[in-house]
């Protein structure tokens, strides 16, 4: 495989122009190339954002059934956190974790 051909993936110009590929999908695709195929052009970690980090965040981290379950658990927990934050925002007008949320709740 000629890795020089994939170097434009660093800027995502190649993958983002594909039908159905936006920024997030391009980042995941580039992370998959880096993590599973060793295609790591200069700057790939910055370009892929959190998807280059160790852990189980996306399909780039799936190598077997166990890792698939880990990715699903991560996504479920992330989605749950977003829902909780939205519910607090709707109920209290603020999001937990911010200093003023804790300050207001202690008064």
PDB file of N, CA and C in Angstrom:
ATOM      1  N   UNK A   1       0.848  -1.178   0.000  1.00  0.00           N
ATOM      2  CA  UNK A   1       0.000   0.000   0.000  1.00  0.00           C
ATOM      3  C   UNK A   1       0.890   1.237   0.000  1.00  0.00           C
ATOM      4  N   UNK A   2       0.634   2.161  -0.878  1.00  0.00           N
ATOM      5  CA  UNK A   2       1.393   3.396  -0.941  1.00  0.00           C
ATOM      6  C   UNK A   2       0.786   4.387   0.037  1.00  0.00           C
ATOM      7  N   UNK A   3       1.472   4.632   1.135  1.00  0.00           N
ATOM      8  CA  UNK A   3       0.938   5.526   2.168  1.00  0.00           C
ATOM      9  C   UNK A   3       0.931   6.974   1.731  1.00  0.00           C
ATOM     10  N   UNK A   4       1.703   7.305   0.717  1.00  0.00           N
ATOM     11  CA  UNK A   4       1.701   8.664   0.202  1.00  0.00           C
ATOM     12  C   UNK A   4       0.345   9.063  -0.349  1.00  0.00           C
ATOM     13  N   UNK A   5      -0.383   8.099  -0.863  1.00  0.00           N
ATOM     14  CA  UNK A   5      -1.717   8.360  -1.391  1.00  0.00           C
ATOM     15  C   UNK A   5      -2.660   8.782  -0.271  1.00  0.00           C
ATOM     16  N   UNK A   6      -2.447   8.242   0.931  1.00  0.00           N
ATOM     17  CA  UNK A   6      -3.342   8.539   2.039  1.00  0.00           C
ATOM     18  C   UNK A   6      -2.971   9.803   2.799  1.00  0.00           C
ATOM     19  N   UNK A   7      -1.867  10.438   2.460  1.00  0.00           N
ATOM     20  CA  UNK A   7      -1.471  11.634   3.191  1.00  0.00           C
ATOM     21  C   UNK A   7      -2.503  12.764   3.143  1.00  0.00           C
ATOM     22  N   UNK A   8      -3.294  12.900   2.087  1.00  0.00           N
ATOM     23  CA  UNK A   8      -4.338  13.925   2.134  1.00  0.00           C
ATOM     24  C   UNK A   8      -5.384  13.684   3.218  1.00  0.00           C
ATOM     25  N   UNK A   9      -5.430  12.461   3.772  1.00  0.00           N
ATOM     26  CA  UNK A   9      -6.370  12.184   4.854  1.00  0.00           C
ATOM     27  C   UNK A   9      -6.063  13.061   6.061  1.00  0.00           C
ATOM     28  N   UNK A  10      -4.814  13.500   6.196  1.00  0.00           N
ATOM     29  CA  UNK A  10      -4.448  14.374   7.310  1.00  0.00           C
ATOM     30  C   UNK A  10      -5.308  15.626   7.320  1.00  0.00           C
ATOM     31  N   UNK A  11      -5.631  16.154   6.156  1.00  0.00           N
ATOM     32  CA  UNK A  11      -6.483  17.337   6.074  1.00  0.00           C
ATOM     33  C   UNK A  11      -7.946  16.962   5.845  1.00  0.00           C
ATOM     34  N   UNK A  12      -8.226  15.700   5.701  1.00  0.00           N
ATOM     35  CA  UNK A  12      -9.566  15.166   5.472  1.00  0.00           C
ATOM     36  C   UNK A  12     -10.195  15.609   4.161  1.00  0.00           C
ATOM     37  N   UNK A  13      -9.393  16.181   3.284  1.00  0.00           N
ATOM     38  CA  UNK A  13      -9.930  16.613   1.997  1.00  0.00           C
ATOM     39  C   UNK A  13     -10.452  15.416   1.218  1.00  0.00           C
ATOM     40  N   UNK A  14      -9.752  14.307   1.290  1.00  0.00           N
ATOM     41  CA  UNK A  14     -10.167  13.121   0.548  1.00  0.00           C
ATOM     42  C   UNK A  14     -11.437  12.506   1.089  1.00  0.00           C
ATOM     43  N   UNK A  15     -11.480  12.229   2.382  1.00  0.00           N
ATOM     44  CA  UNK A  15     -12.633  11.521   2.937  1.00  0.00           C
ATOM     45  C   UNK A  15     -13.856  12.409   3.095  1.00  0.00           C
ATOM     46  N   UNK A  16     -13.682  13.687   3.402  1.00  0.00           N
ATOM     47  CA  UNK A  16     -14.838  14.562   3.572  1.00  0.00           C
ATOM     48  C   UNK A  16     -15.564  14.805   2.257  1.00  0.00           C
ATOM     49  N   UNK A  17     -14.893  14.568   1.131  1.00  0.00           N
ATOM     50  CA  UNK A  17     -15.557  14.775  -0.150  1.00  0.00           C
ATOM     51  C   UNK A  17     -16.379  13.555  -0.565  1.00  0.00           C
ATOM     52  N   UNK A  18     -16.239  12.447   0.158  1.00  0.00           N
ATOM     53  CA  UNK A  18     -17.024  11.252  -0.145  1.00  0.00           C
ATOM     54  C   UNK A  18     -18.466  11.447   0.303  1.00  0.00           C
ATOM     55  N   UNK A  19     -19.426  10.884  -0.418  1.00  0.00           N
ATOM     56  CA  UNK A  19     -20.829  11.009  -0.016  1.00  0.00           C
ATOM     57  C   UNK A  19     -21.048  10.430   1.377  1.00  0.00           C
ATOM     58  N   UNK A  20     -21.703  11.187   2.238  1.00  0.00           N
ATOM     59  CA  UNK A  20     -22.018  10.720   3.585  1.00  0.00           C
ATOM     60  C   UNK A  20     -20.912  10.911   4.599  1.00  0.00           C
ATOM     61  N   UNK A  21     -19.784  11.497   4.205  1.00  0.00           N
ATOM     62  CA  UNK A  21     -18.674  11.714   5.126  1.00  0.00           C
ATOM     63  C   UNK A  21     -18.617  13.177   5.542  1.00  0.00           C
ATOM     64  N   UNK A  22     -18.859  13.414   6.817  1.00  0.00           N
ATOM     65  CA  UNK A  22     -18.657  14.740   7.388  1.00  0.00           C
ATOM     66  C   UNK A  22     -17.402  14.711   8.237  1.00  0.00           C
ATOM     67  N   UNK A  23     -17.229  15.727   9.058  1.00  0.00           N
ATOM     68  CA  UNK A  23     -16.025  15.839   9.870  1.00  0.00           C
ATOM     69  C   UNK A  23     -15.864  14.647  10.825  1.00  0.00           C
ATOM     70  N   UNK A  24     -16.918  14.295  11.553  1.00  0.00           N
ATOM     71  CA  UNK A  24     -16.810  13.225  12.551  1.00  0.00           C
ATOM     72  C   UNK A  24     -16.492  11.885  11.896  1.00  0.00           C
ATOM     73  N   UNK A  25     -17.191  11.554  10.841  1.00  0.00           N
ATOM     74  CA  UNK A  25     -16.934  10.281  10.175  1.00  0.00           C
ATOM     75  C   UNK A  25     -15.532  10.243   9.564  1.00  0.00           C
ATOM     76  N   UNK A  26     -15.068  11.374   9.050  1.00  0.00           N
ATOM     77  CA  UNK A  26     -13.711  11.447   8.503  1.00  0.00           C
ATOM     78  C   UNK A  26     -12.676  11.251   9.610  1.00  0.00           C
ATOM     79  N   UNK A  27     -12.934  11.830  10.786  1.00  0.00           N
ATOM     80  CA  UNK A  27     -12.025  11.642  11.917  1.00  0.00           C
ATOM     81  C   UNK A  27     -11.975  10.177  12.342  1.00  0.00           C
ATOM     82  N   UNK A  28     -13.133   9.533  12.423  1.00  0.00           N
ATOM     83  CA  UNK A  28     -13.188   8.123  12.821  1.00  0.00           C
ATOM     84  C   UNK A  28     -12.475   7.252  11.790  1.00  0.00           C
ATOM     85  N   UNK A  29     -12.704   7.544  10.511  1.00  0.00           N
ATOM     86  CA  UNK A  29     -12.061   6.770   9.449  1.00  0.00           C
ATOM     87  C   UNK A  29     -10.543   6.901   9.515  1.00  0.00           C
ATOM     88  N   UNK A  30     -10.061   8.123   9.719  1.00  0.00           N
ATOM     89  CA  UNK A  30      -8.616   8.345   9.817  1.00  0.00           C
ATOM     90  C   UNK A  30      -8.046   7.666  11.060  1.00  0.00           C
ATOM     91  N   UNK A  31      -8.800   7.665  12.168  1.00  0.00           N
ATOM     92  CA  UNK A  31      -8.358   6.976  13.384  1.00  0.00           C
ATOM     93  C   UNK A  31      -8.296   5.472  13.144  1.00  0.00           C
ATOM     94  N   UNK A  32      -9.254   4.937  12.418  1.00  0.00           N
ATOM     95  CA  UNK A  32      -9.243   3.518  12.077  1.00  0.00           C
ATOM     96  C   UNK A  32      -7.996   3.177  11.258  1.00  0.00           C
ATOM     97  N   UNK A  33      -7.672   4.019  10.278  1.00  0.00           N
ATOM     98  CA  UNK A  33      -6.469   3.793   9.474  1.00  0.00           C
ATOM     99  C   UNK A  33      -5.220   3.818  10.351  1.00  0.00           C
ATOM    100  N   UNK A  34      -5.186   4.747  11.290  1.00  0.00           N
ATOM    101  CA  UNK A  34      -4.020   4.868  12.155  1.00  0.00           C
ATOM    102  C   UNK A  34      -3.894   3.745  13.168  1.00  0.00           C
ATOM    103  N   UNK A  35      -4.988   3.437  13.843  1.00  0.00           N
ATOM    104  CA  UNK A  35      -4.941   2.449  14.923  1.00  0.00           C
ATOM    105  C   UNK A  35      -4.852   1.011  14.425  1.00  0.00           C
ATOM    106  N   UNK A  36      -5.576   0.704  13.359  1.00  0.00           N
ATOM    107  CA  UNK A  36      -5.652  -0.697  12.947  1.00  0.00           C
ATOM    108  C   UNK A  36      -4.756  -1.041  11.766  1.00  0.00           C
ATOM    109  N   UNK A  37      -4.420  -0.055  10.941  1.00  0.00           N
ATOM    110  CA  UNK A  37      -3.587  -0.339   9.771  1.00  0.00           C
ATOM    111  C   UNK A  37      -2.211   0.315   9.844  1.00  0.00           C
ATOM    112  N   UNK A  38      -1.983   1.112  10.882  1.00  0.00           N
ATOM    113  CA  UNK A  38      -0.681   1.751  11.039  1.00  0.00           C
ATOM    114  C   UNK A  38      -0.423   2.910  10.100  1.00  0.00           C
ATOM    115  N   UNK A  39      -1.452   3.422   9.455  1.00  0.00           N
ATOM    116  CA  UNK A  39      -1.307   4.565   8.548  1.00  0.00           C
ATOM    117  C   UNK A  39      -1.385   5.824   9.405  1.00  0.00           C
ATOM    118  N   UNK A  40      -0.209   6.376   9.722  1.00  0.00           N
ATOM    119  CA  UNK A  40      -0.136   7.499  10.652  1.00  0.00           C
ATOM    120  C   UNK A  40       0.708   8.637  10.078  1.00  0.00           C
ATOM    121  N   UNK A  41       0.129   9.389   9.135  1.00  0.00           N
ATOM    122  CA  UNK A  41       0.887  10.533   8.607  1.00  0.00           C
ATOM    123  C   UNK A  41       1.081  11.578   9.705  1.00  0.00           C
ATOM    124  N   UNK A  42       2.027  12.445   9.506  1.00  0.00           N
ATOM    125  CA  UNK A  42       2.308  13.486  10.492  1.00  0.00           C
ATOM    126  C   UNK A  42       1.041  14.282  10.789  1.00  0.00           C
ATOM    127  N   UNK A  43       0.752  14.441  12.063  1.00  0.00           N
ATOM    128  CA  UNK A  43      -0.416  15.209  12.490  1.00  0.00           C
ATOM    129  C   UNK A  43      -1.712  14.429  12.557  1.00  0.00           C
ATOM    130  N   UNK A  44      -1.660  13.114  12.357  1.00  0.00           N
ATOM    131  CA  UNK A  44      -2.909  12.339  12.343  1.00  0.00           C
ATOM    132  C   UNK A  44      -3.629  12.387  13.679  1.00  0.00           C
ATOM    133  N   UNK A  45      -2.888  12.423  14.788  1.00  0.00           N
ATOM    134  CA  UNK A  45      -3.532  12.442  16.101  1.00  0.00           C
ATOM    135  C   UNK A  45      -4.292  13.747  16.334  1.00  0.00           C
ATOM    136  N   UNK A  46      -3.715  14.856  15.911  1.00  0.00           N
ATOM    137  CA  UNK A  46      -4.421  16.138  16.037  1.00  0.00           C
ATOM    138  C   UNK A  46      -5.636  16.183  15.130  1.00  0.00           C
ATOM    139  N   UNK A  47      -5.500  15.645  13.941  1.00  0.00           N
ATOM    140  CA  UNK A  47      -6.597  15.679  12.971  1.00  0.00           C
ATOM    141  C   UNK A  47      -7.768  14.807  13.395  1.00  0.00           C
ATOM    142  N   UNK A  48      -7.497  13.705  14.100  1.00  0.00           N
ATOM    143  CA  UNK A  48      -8.571  12.790  14.484  1.00  0.00           C
ATOM    144  C   UNK A  48      -9.173  13.126  15.840  1.00  0.00           C
ATOM    145  N   UNK A  49      -8.604  14.076  16.549  1.00  0.00           N
ATOM    146  CA  UNK A  49      -9.160  14.494  17.835  1.00  0.00           C
ATOM    147  C   UNK A  49      -9.137  13.363  18.849  1.00  0.00           C
ATOM    148  N   UNK A  50     -10.198  13.259  19.634  1.00  0.00           N
ATOM    149  CA  UNK A  50     -10.276  12.250  20.695  1.00  0.00           C
ATOM    150  C   UNK A  50     -10.277  10.820  20.164  1.00  0.00           C
ATOM    151  N   UNK A  51     -10.588  10.638  18.894  1.00  0.00           N
ATOM    152  CA  UNK A  51     -10.640   9.281  18.339  1.00  0.00           C
ATOM    153  C   UNK A  51      -9.257   8.634  18.267  1.00  0.00           C
ATOM    154  N   UNK A  52      -8.189   9.412  18.395  1.00  0.00           N
ATOM    155  CA  UNK A  52      -6.846   8.830  18.400  1.00  0.00           C
ATOM    156  C   UNK A  52      -6.416   8.415  19.805  1.00  0.00           C
ATOM    157  N   UNK A  53      -7.160   8.822  20.815  1.00  0.00           N
ATOM    158  CA  UNK A  53      -6.805   8.497  22.198  1.00  0.00           C
ATOM    159  C   UNK A  53      -7.015   7.010  22.486  1.00  0.00           C
ATOM    160  N   UNK A  54      -6.261   6.481  23.438  1.00  0.00           N
ATOM    161  CA  UNK A  54      -6.496   5.086  23.837  1.00  0.00           C
ATOM    162  C   UNK A  54      -7.879   4.941  24.460  1.00  0.00           C
ATOM    163  N   UNK A  55      -8.462   3.807  24.304  1.00  0.00           N
ATOM    164  CA  UNK A  55      -9.784   3.561  24.877  1.00  0.00           C
ATOM    165  C   UNK A  55     -10.719   2.976  23.836  1.00  0.00           C
ATOM    166  N   UNK A  56     -11.990   3.024  24.150  1.00  0.00           N
ATOM    167  CA  UNK A  56     -13.013   2.424  23.288  1.00  0.00           C
ATOM    168  C   UNK A  56     -14.052   3.487  22.960  1.00  0.00           C
ATOM    169  N   UNK A  57     -13.770   4.297  21.940  1.00  0.00           N
ATOM    170  CA  UNK A  57     -14.634   5.404  21.582  1.00  0.00           C
ATOM    171  C   UNK A  57     -15.444   5.191  20.306  1.00  0.00           C
ATOM    172  N   UNK A  58     -14.896   4.408  19.360  1.00  0.00           N
ATOM    173  CA  UNK A  58     -15.538   4.297  18.053  1.00  0.00           C
ATOM    174  C   UNK A  58     -15.161   2.983  17.382  1.00  0.00           C
ATOM    175  N   UNK A  59     -15.637   2.813  16.177  1.00  0.00           N
ATOM    176  CA  UNK A  59     -15.327   1.616  15.395  1.00  0.00           C
ATOM    177  C   UNK A  59     -13.821   1.477  15.174  1.00  0.00           C
ATOM    178  N   UNK A  60     -13.084   2.566  15.292  1.00  0.00           N
ATOM    179  CA  UNK A  60     -11.625   2.505  15.153  1.00  0.00           C
ATOM    180  C   UNK A  60     -10.990   1.653  16.252  1.00  0.00           C
ATOM    181  N   UNK A  61     -11.715   1.458  17.352  1.00  0.00           N
ATOM    182  CA  UNK A  61     -11.201   0.684  18.480  1.00  0.00           C
ATOM    183  C   UNK A  61     -11.742  -0.739  18.538  1.00  0.00           C
ATOM    184  N   UNK A  62     -12.616  -1.099  17.609  1.00  0.00           N
ATOM    185  CA  UNK A  62     -13.232  -2.428  17.622  1.00  0.00           C
ATOM    186  C   UNK A  62     -12.336  -3.426  16.901  1.00  0.00           C
ATOM    187  N   UNK A  63     -11.881  -4.433  17.653  1.00  0.00           N
ATOM    188  CA  UNK A  63     -11.053  -5.486  17.076  1.00  0.00           C
ATOM    189  C   UNK A  63     -11.625  -6.872  17.349  1.00  0.00           C
ATOM    190  N   UNK A  64     -12.595  -6.946  18.255  1.00  0.00           N
ATOM    191  CA  UNK A  64     -13.236  -8.219  18.582  1.00  0.00           C
ATOM    192  C   UNK A  64     -14.577  -7.922  19.270  1.00  0.00           C
ATOM    193  N   UNK A  65     -15.265  -8.967  19.669  1.00  0.00           N
ATOM    194  CA  UNK A  65     -16.586  -8.784  20.277  1.00  0.00           C
ATOM    195  C   UNK A  65     -16.501  -8.031  21.603  1.00  0.00           C
ATOM    196  N   UNK A  66     -15.475  -8.301  22.387  1.00  0.00           N
ATOM    197  CA  UNK A  66     -15.324  -7.621  23.678  1.00  0.00           C
ATOM    198  C   UNK A  66     -15.127  -6.118  23.492  1.00  0.00           C
ATOM    199  N   UNK A  67     -14.295  -5.733  22.534  1.00  0.00           N
ATOM    200  CA  UNK A  67     -14.067  -4.303  22.306  1.00  0.00           C
ATOM    201  C   UNK A  67     -15.313  -3.636  21.721  1.00  0.00           C
ATOM    202  N   UNK A  68     -16.107  -4.374  20.959  1.00  0.00           N
ATOM    203  CA  UNK A  68     -17.378  -3.846  20.461  1.00  0.00           C
ATOM    204  C   UNK A  68     -18.295  -3.504  21.629  1.00  0.00           C
ATOM    205  N   UNK A  69     -18.363  -4.387  22.620  1.00  0.00           N
ATOM    206  CA  UNK A  69     -19.188  -4.123  23.804  1.00  0.00           C
ATOM    207  C   UNK A  69     -18.667  -2.915  24.581  1.00  0.00           C
ATOM    208  N   UNK A  70     -17.349  -2.747  24.653  1.00  0.00           N
ATOM    209  CA  UNK A  70     -16.755  -1.592  25.330  1.00  0.00           C
ATOM    210  C   UNK A  70     -17.130  -0.294  24.623  1.00  0.00           C
ATOM    211  N   UNK A  71     -17.080  -0.282  23.299  1.00  0.00           N
ATOM    212  CA  UNK A  71     -17.456   0.914  22.537  1.00  0.00           C
ATOM    213  C   UNK A  71     -18.928   1.231  22.759  1.00  0.00           C
ATOM    214  N   UNK A  72     -19.767   0.222  22.733  1.00  0.00           N
ATOM    215  CA  UNK A  72     -21.203   0.445  22.958  1.00  0.00           C
ATOM    216  C   UNK A  72     -21.460   0.999  24.355  1.00  0.00           C
ATOM    217  N   UNK A  73     -20.747   0.477  25.355  1.00  0.00           N
ATOM    218  CA  UNK A  73     -20.906   0.965  26.729  1.00  0.00           C
ATOM    219  C   UNK A  73     -20.453   2.427  26.836  1.00  0.00           C
ATOM    220  N   UNK A  74     -19.351   2.769  26.172  1.00  0.00           N
ATOM    221  CA  UNK A  74     -18.857   4.147  26.179  1.00  0.00           C
ATOM    222  C   UNK A  74     -19.893   5.091  25.573  1.00  0.00           C
ATOM    223  N   UNK A  75     -20.444   4.699  24.429  1.00  0.00           N
ATOM    224  CA  UNK A  75     -21.423   5.549  23.748  1.00  0.00           C
ATOM    225  C   UNK A  75     -22.693   5.697  24.577  1.00  0.00           C
ATOM    226  N   UNK A  76     -23.117   4.622  25.219  1.00  0.00           N
ATOM    227  CA  UNK A  76     -24.318   4.673  26.057  1.00  0.00           C
ATOM    228  C   UNK A  76     -24.098   5.610  27.245  1.00  0.00           C
ATOM    229  N   UNK A  77     -22.930   5.509  27.879  1.00  0.00           N
ATOM    230  CA  UNK A  77     -22.624   6.380  29.011  1.00  0.00           C
ATOM    231  C   UNK A  77     -22.543   7.843  28.571  1.00  0.00           C
ATOM    232  N   UNK A  78     -21.951   8.085  27.418  1.00  0.00           N
ATOM    233  CA  UNK A  78     -21.838   9.446  26.906  1.00  0.00           C
ATOM    234  C   UNK A  78     -23.218  10.027  26.605  1.00  0.00           C
ATOM    235  N   UNK A  79     -24.064   9.231  25.974  1.00  0.00           N
ATOM    236  CA  UNK A  79     -25.412   9.681  25.652  1.00  0.00           C
ATOM    237  C   UNK A  79     -26.209   9.956  26.927  1.00  0.00           C
ATOM    238  N   UNK A  80     -26.044   9.119  27.942  1.00  0.00           N
ATOM    239  CA  UNK A  80     -26.727   9.304  29.213  1.00  0.00           C
ATOM    240  C   UNK A  80     -26.292  10.603  29.874  1.00  0.00           C
ATOM    241  N   UNK A  81     -24.994  10.900  29.830  1.00  0.00           N
ATOM    242  CA  UNK A  81     -24.478  12.147  30.400  1.00  0.00           C
ATOM    243  C   UNK A  81     -25.038  13.370  29.709  1.00  0.00           C
ATOM    244  N   UNK A  82     -25.187  13.297  28.408  1.00  0.00           N
ATOM    245  CA  UNK A  82     -25.754  14.412  27.649  1.00  0.00           C
ATOM    246  C   UNK A  82     -27.208  14.617  28.044  1.00  0.00           C
ATOM    247  N   UNK A  83     -27.948  13.527  28.184  1.00  0.00           N
ATOM    248  CA  UNK A  83     -29.356  13.634  28.584  1.00  0.00           C
ATOM    249  C   UNK A  83     -29.486  14.229  29.970  1.00  0.00           C
ATOM    250  N   UNK A  84     -28.620  13.817  30.910  1.00  0.00           N
ATOM    251  CA  UNK A  84     -28.683  14.351  32.268  1.00  0.00           C
ATOM    252  C   UNK A  84     -28.375  15.842  32.277  1.00  0.00           C
ATOM    253  N   UNK A  85     -27.378  16.246  31.503  1.00  0.00           N
ATOM    254  CA  UNK A  85     -27.041  17.658  31.418  1.00  0.00           C
ATOM    255  C   UNK A  85     -28.184  18.473  30.847  1.00  0.00           C
ATOM    256  N   UNK A  86     -28.847  17.942  29.829  1.00  0.00           N
ATOM    257  CA  UNK A  86     -29.980  18.632  29.220  1.00  0.00           C
ATOM    258  C   UNK A  86     -31.131  18.752  30.202  1.00  0.00           C
ATOM    259  N   UNK A  87     -31.403  17.694  30.955  1.00  0.00           N
ATOM    260  CA  UNK A  87     -32.487  17.737  31.943  1.00  0.00           C
ATOM    261  C   UNK A  87     -32.201  18.781  33.019  1.00  0.00           C
ATOM    262  N   UNK A  88     -30.956  18.880  33.484  1.00  0.00           N
ATOM    263  CA  UNK A  88     -30.593  19.896  34.475  1.00  0.00           C
ATOM    264  C   UNK A  88     -30.719  21.289  33.892  1.00  0.00           C
ATOM    265  N   UNK A  89     -30.319  21.431  32.662  1.00  0.00           N
ATOM    266  CA  UNK A  89     -30.425  22.721  32.001  1.00  0.00           C
ATOM    267  C   UNK A  89     -31.882  23.152  31.898  1.00  0.00           C
ATOM    268  N   UNK A  90     -32.747  22.230  31.528  1.00  0.00           N
ATOM    269  CA  UNK A  90     -34.173  22.545  31.421  1.00  0.00           C
ATOM    270  C   UNK A  90     -34.795  22.815  32.784  1.00  0.00           C
ATOM    271  N   UNK A  91     -34.409  22.028  33.802  1.00  0.00           N
ATOM    272  CA  UNK A  91     -35.011  22.159  35.119  1.00  0.00           C
ATOM    273  C   UNK A  91     -34.466  23.348  35.906  1.00  0.00           C
ATOM    274  N   UNK A  92     -33.148  23.555  35.845  1.00  0.00           N
ATOM    275  CA  UNK A  92     -32.523  24.566  36.696  1.00  0.00           C
ATOM    276  C   UNK A  92     -31.919  25.740  35.930  1.00  0.00           C
ATOM    277  N   UNK A  93     -31.838  25.623  34.629  1.00  0.00           N
ATOM    278  CA  UNK A  93     -31.234  26.686  33.848  1.00  0.00           C
ATOM    279  C   UNK A  93     -29.722  26.689  33.893  1.00  0.00           C
ATOM    280  N   UNK A  94     -29.131  25.599  34.411  1.00  0.00           N
ATOM    281  CA  UNK A  94     -27.677  25.477  34.478  1.00  0.00           C
ATOM    282  C   UNK A  94     -27.282  24.012  34.367  1.00  0.00           C
ATOM    283  N   UNK A  95     -26.035  23.802  34.066  1.00  0.00           N
ATOM    284  CA  UNK A  95     -25.517  22.451  33.844  1.00  0.00           C
ATOM    285  C   UNK A  95     -24.616  22.064  35.006  1.00  0.00           C
ATOM    286  N   UNK A  96     -24.749  20.817  35.531  1.00  0.00           N
ATOM    287  CA  UNK A  96     -23.883  20.389  36.628  1.00  0.00           C
ATOM    288  C   UNK A  96     -22.420  20.388  36.199  1.00  0.00           C
ATOM    289  N   UNK A  97     -21.547  20.629  37.162  1.00  0.00           N
ATOM    290  CA  UNK A  97     -20.125  20.656  36.872  1.00  0.00           C
ATOM    291  C   UNK A  97     -19.583  22.068  36.761  1.00  0.00           C
ATOM    292  N   UNK A  98     -20.458  23.014  36.526  1.00  0.00           N
ATOM    293  CA  UNK A  98     -19.992  24.394  36.463  1.00  0.00           C
ATOM    294  C   UNK A  98     -19.970  24.963  37.881  1.00  0.00           C
ATOM    295  N   UNK A  99     -19.081  25.896  38.141  1.00  0.00           N
ATOM    296  CA  UNK A  99     -18.905  26.410  39.501  1.00  0.00           C
ATOM    297  C   UNK A  99     -20.173  27.065  40.022  1.00  0.00           C
ATOM    298  N   UNK A 100     -20.910  27.757  39.169  1.00  0.00           N
ATOM    299  CA  UNK A 100     -22.099  28.456  39.661  1.00  0.00           C
ATOM    300  C   UNK A 100     -23.233  27.490  39.961  1.00  0.00           C
ATOM    301  N   UNK A 101     -23.254  26.338  39.331  1.00  0.00           N
ATOM    302  CA  UNK A 101     -24.280  25.346  39.656  1.00  0.00           C
ATOM    303  C   UNK A 101     -24.090  24.890  41.095  1.00  0.00           C
ATOM    304  N   UNK A 102     -22.855  24.560  41.454  1.00  0.00           N
ATOM    305  CA  UNK A 102     -22.574  24.090  42.811  1.00  0.00           C
ATOM    306  C   UNK A 102     -22.755  25.209  43.830  1.00  0.00           C
ATOM    307  N   UNK A 103     -22.374  26.435  43.460  1.00  0.00           N
ATOM    308  CA  UNK A 103     -22.521  27.561  44.373  1.00  0.00           C
ATOM    309  C   UNK A 103     -23.996  27.822  44.667  1.00  0.00           C
ATOM    310  N   UNK A 104     -24.819  27.864  43.629  1.00  0.00           N
ATOM    311  CA  UNK A 104     -26.253  28.120  43.806  1.00  0.00           C
ATOM    312  C   UNK A 104     -26.916  27.014  44.617  1.00  0.00           C
ATOM    313  N   UNK A 105     -26.512  25.784  44.422  1.00  0.00           N
ATOM    314  CA  UNK A 105     -27.133  24.659  45.111  1.00  0.00           C
ATOM    315  C   UNK A 105     -26.770  24.644  46.592  1.00  0.00           C
ATOM    316  N   UNK A 106     -25.645  25.254  46.965  1.00  0.00           N
ATOM    317  CA  UNK A 106     -25.225  25.223  48.370  1.00  0.00           C
ATOM    318  C   UNK A 106     -25.805  26.375  49.173  1.00  0.00           C
ATOM    319  N   UNK A 107     -26.382  27.353  48.526  1.00  0.00           N
ATOM    320  CA  UNK A 107     -26.936  28.517  49.244  1.00  0.00           C
ATOM    321  C   UNK A 107     -28.299  28.228  49.802  1.00  0.00           C
TER     322      UNK A 107
END
